[in-house]
Amino acid sequence: MPEKTVATTSGKQAATATGREKTRDQERYIQPPVDIYEKPEGLVLLADLPGVGPGDLNVRLEDNILTIQAKAQHAITAEPIYREFELFNFFRQFELSDQVDQGKITARLNHGVLTLELPKAEKAKPRQITVQVEKAAA
């Protein structure tokens, strides 16, 4: 499953030379770490998305490209007086082959870990072919 290369913005935009204040931060994206396992029935992809809730996650499949996009949120809504922990947006894409049954992909989010199950297409699954023996005519 080849990964797609995606351009991301980096860093916070500095004030301009004229001293104007920036009005908002650029959104920053990082690639979530993933593990991919192969099982007889298909692939399992685990993506680490800390701070992401179900309403902040978008998993999309279009033109054989699987896209994971998510926004992490702080659980506390108060204004921080000191902060060392920065939350990021997540973005990652994978190109799927025709060996994945794209209509049967499932996704679960559990405590910030996204589990995608990508079953193999029937034509890609190994199968045993039964050989029938014909009896010779007497």
Protein backbone atom coordinates (compact mmCIF):
# COMPACT_ATOMS: atom_id res chain seq x y z
CA MET A 1 0.00 0.00 0.00
CA PRO A 2 2.08 2.95 -1.22
CA GLU A 3 1.79 6.15 0.70
CA LYS A 4 0.92 9.40 -1.04
CA THR A 5 3.18 12.40 -0.52
CA VAL A 6 1.30 15.43 0.74
CA ALA A 7 2.57 18.98 1.17
CA THR A 8 1.89 20.41 4.60
CA THR A 9 2.28 23.85 6.11
CA SER A 10 4.99 24.31 8.69
CA GLY A 11 5.31 26.55 11.67
CA LYS A 12 3.35 29.57 12.73
CA GLN A 13 3.29 32.53 10.43
CA ALA A 14 5.38 35.41 11.79
CA ALA A 15 4.23 39.02 11.88
CA THR A 16 5.09 40.97 8.76
CA ALA A 17 7.91 43.51 8.48
CA THR A 18 5.39 46.35 8.85
CA GLY A 19 4.56 45.09 12.33
CA ARG A 20 1.04 43.96 11.48
CA GLU A 21 -0.39 41.33 13.74
CA LYS A 22 -1.34 37.98 12.36
CA THR A 23 -5.05 37.36 12.65
CA ARG A 24 -4.92 33.58 12.83
CA ASP A 25 -2.47 30.71 12.85
CA GLN A 26 -2.00 28.58 9.79
CA GLU A 27 -3.34 25.10 10.26
CA ARG A 28 -0.54 22.61 10.72
CA TYR A 29 -0.77 18.98 9.74
CA ILE A 30 1.35 16.06 10.76
CA GLN A 31 1.30 12.48 9.55
CA PRO A 32 -0.07 10.18 12.24
CA PRO A 33 2.09 7.14 12.93
CA VAL A 34 0.54 3.96 11.55
CA ASP A 35 1.07 0.22 11.80
CA ILE A 36 -0.18 -2.03 9.01
CA TYR A 37 -0.68 -5.76 9.51
CA GLU A 38 -1.53 -8.41 6.96
CA LYS A 39 -3.97 -11.13 7.94
CA PRO A 40 -5.33 -13.92 5.73
CA GLU A 41 -8.60 -12.01 5.27
CA GLY A 42 -7.03 -8.60 4.59
CA LEU A 43 -5.06 -5.69 6.00
CA VAL A 44 -5.47 -3.93 9.34
CA LEU A 45 -4.25 -0.34 9.64
CA LEU A 46 -3.83 1.26 13.08
CA ALA A 47 -3.35 5.04 13.20
CA ASP A 48 -2.47 6.92 16.39
CA LEU A 49 -4.70 10.03 16.63
CA PRO A 50 -4.42 11.40 20.20
CA GLY A 51 -7.00 14.01 21.14
CA VAL A 52 -9.31 13.17 18.21
CA GLY A 53 -12.99 12.49 18.82
CA PRO A 54 -15.45 10.85 16.42
CA GLY A 55 -16.81 14.21 15.25
CA ASP A 56 -13.32 15.44 14.35
CA LEU A 57 -12.35 12.51 12.13
CA ASN A 58 -12.87 12.13 8.39
CA VAL A 59 -11.94 8.91 6.59
CA ARG A 60 -12.60 9.09 2.87
CA LEU A 61 -11.99 6.85 -0.14
CA GLU A 62 -11.91 8.43 -3.58
CA ASP A 63 -10.23 7.21 -6.78
CA ASN A 64 -8.38 4.44 -4.88
CA ILE A 65 -6.95 7.01 -2.42
CA LEU A 66 -7.72 6.39 1.26
CA THR A 67 -7.52 9.69 3.18
CA ILE A 68 -7.38 10.08 6.96
CA GLN A 69 -7.95 13.65 8.16
CA ALA A 70 -8.52 14.59 11.79
CA LYS A 71 -8.41 17.53 14.16
CA ALA A 72 -7.32 17.09 17.76
CA GLN A 73 -9.16 19.03 20.46
CA HIS A 74 -8.32 19.80 24.07
CA ALA A 75 -10.79 18.27 26.49
CA ILE A 76 -10.56 21.40 28.65
CA THR A 77 -12.15 24.48 27.12
CA ALA A 78 -10.60 27.03 29.52
CA GLU A 79 -7.93 29.46 28.32
CA PRO A 80 -4.49 28.07 29.22
CA ILE A 81 -2.08 30.15 31.29
CA TYR A 82 0.86 27.87 30.46
CA ARG A 83 1.07 25.22 27.78
CA GLU A 84 3.76 22.76 26.64
CA PHE A 85 1.50 20.34 24.80
CA GLU A 86 0.52 21.39 21.30
CA LEU A 87 -2.26 19.73 19.36
CA PHE A 88 -1.96 19.13 15.64
CA ASN A 89 -4.22 18.27 12.78
CA PHE A 90 -3.56 14.90 11.18
CA PHE A 91 -3.47 14.07 7.48
CA ARG A 92 -2.33 10.92 5.71
CA GLN A 93 -3.14 9.26 2.41
CA PHE A 94 -2.63 5.76 1.03
CA GLU A 95 -3.14 4.45 -2.48
CA LEU A 96 -5.13 1.21 -2.47
CA SER A 97 -4.71 -1.55 -5.00
CA ASP A 98 -7.54 -3.51 -6.56
CA GLN A 99 -6.72 -6.32 -4.13
CA VAL A 100 -8.68 -4.46 -1.42
CA ASP A 101 -12.47 -4.83 -1.40
CA GLN A 102 -13.13 -1.10 -1.11
CA GLY A 103 -16.84 -1.54 -0.48
CA LYS A 104 -16.21 -3.50 2.73
CA ILE A 105 -13.69 -1.25 4.50
CA THR A 106 -14.63 -0.62 8.15
CA ALA A 107 -13.33 1.97 10.63
CA ARG A 108 -13.38 2.18 14.44
CA LEU A 109 -12.01 4.87 16.78
CA ASN A 110 -11.14 3.78 20.32
CA HIS A 111 -9.27 6.07 22.74
CA GLY A 112 -7.46 7.92 19.95
CA VAL A 113 -6.54 4.83 17.92
CA LEU A 114 -8.19 4.46 14.52
CA THR A 115 -8.52 0.88 13.29
CA LEU A 116 -9.24 0.39 9.60
CA GLU A 117 -10.00 -3.10 8.33
CA LEU A 118 -9.35 -3.48 4.61
CA PRO A 119 -10.61 -6.89 3.48
CA LYS A 120 -9.09 -8.59 0.48
CA ALA A 121 -11.17 -8.68 -2.67
CA GLU A 122 -12.50 -12.13 -3.53
CA LYS A 123 -10.28 -12.35 -6.60
CA ALA A 124 -7.20 -11.61 -4.45
CA LYS A 125 -7.89 -14.24 -1.78
CA PRO A 126 -6.11 -17.53 -2.22
CA ARG A 127 -8.54 -20.37 -2.70
CA GLN A 128 -8.43 -24.10 -3.08
CA ILE A 129 -9.68 -25.47 -6.39
CA THR A 130 -11.43 -28.81 -6.15
CA VAL A 131 -10.36 -31.31 -8.78
CA GLN A 132 -13.09 -33.65 -9.93
CA VAL A 133 -12.01 -37.07 -11.08
CA GLU A 134 -13.90 -38.54 -14.00
CA LYS A 135 -14.41 -42.27 -14.05
CA ALA A 136 -13.19 -43.97 -17.18
CA ALA A 137 -15.89 -45.59 -19.31
CA ALA A 138 -15.76 -49.39 -19.21
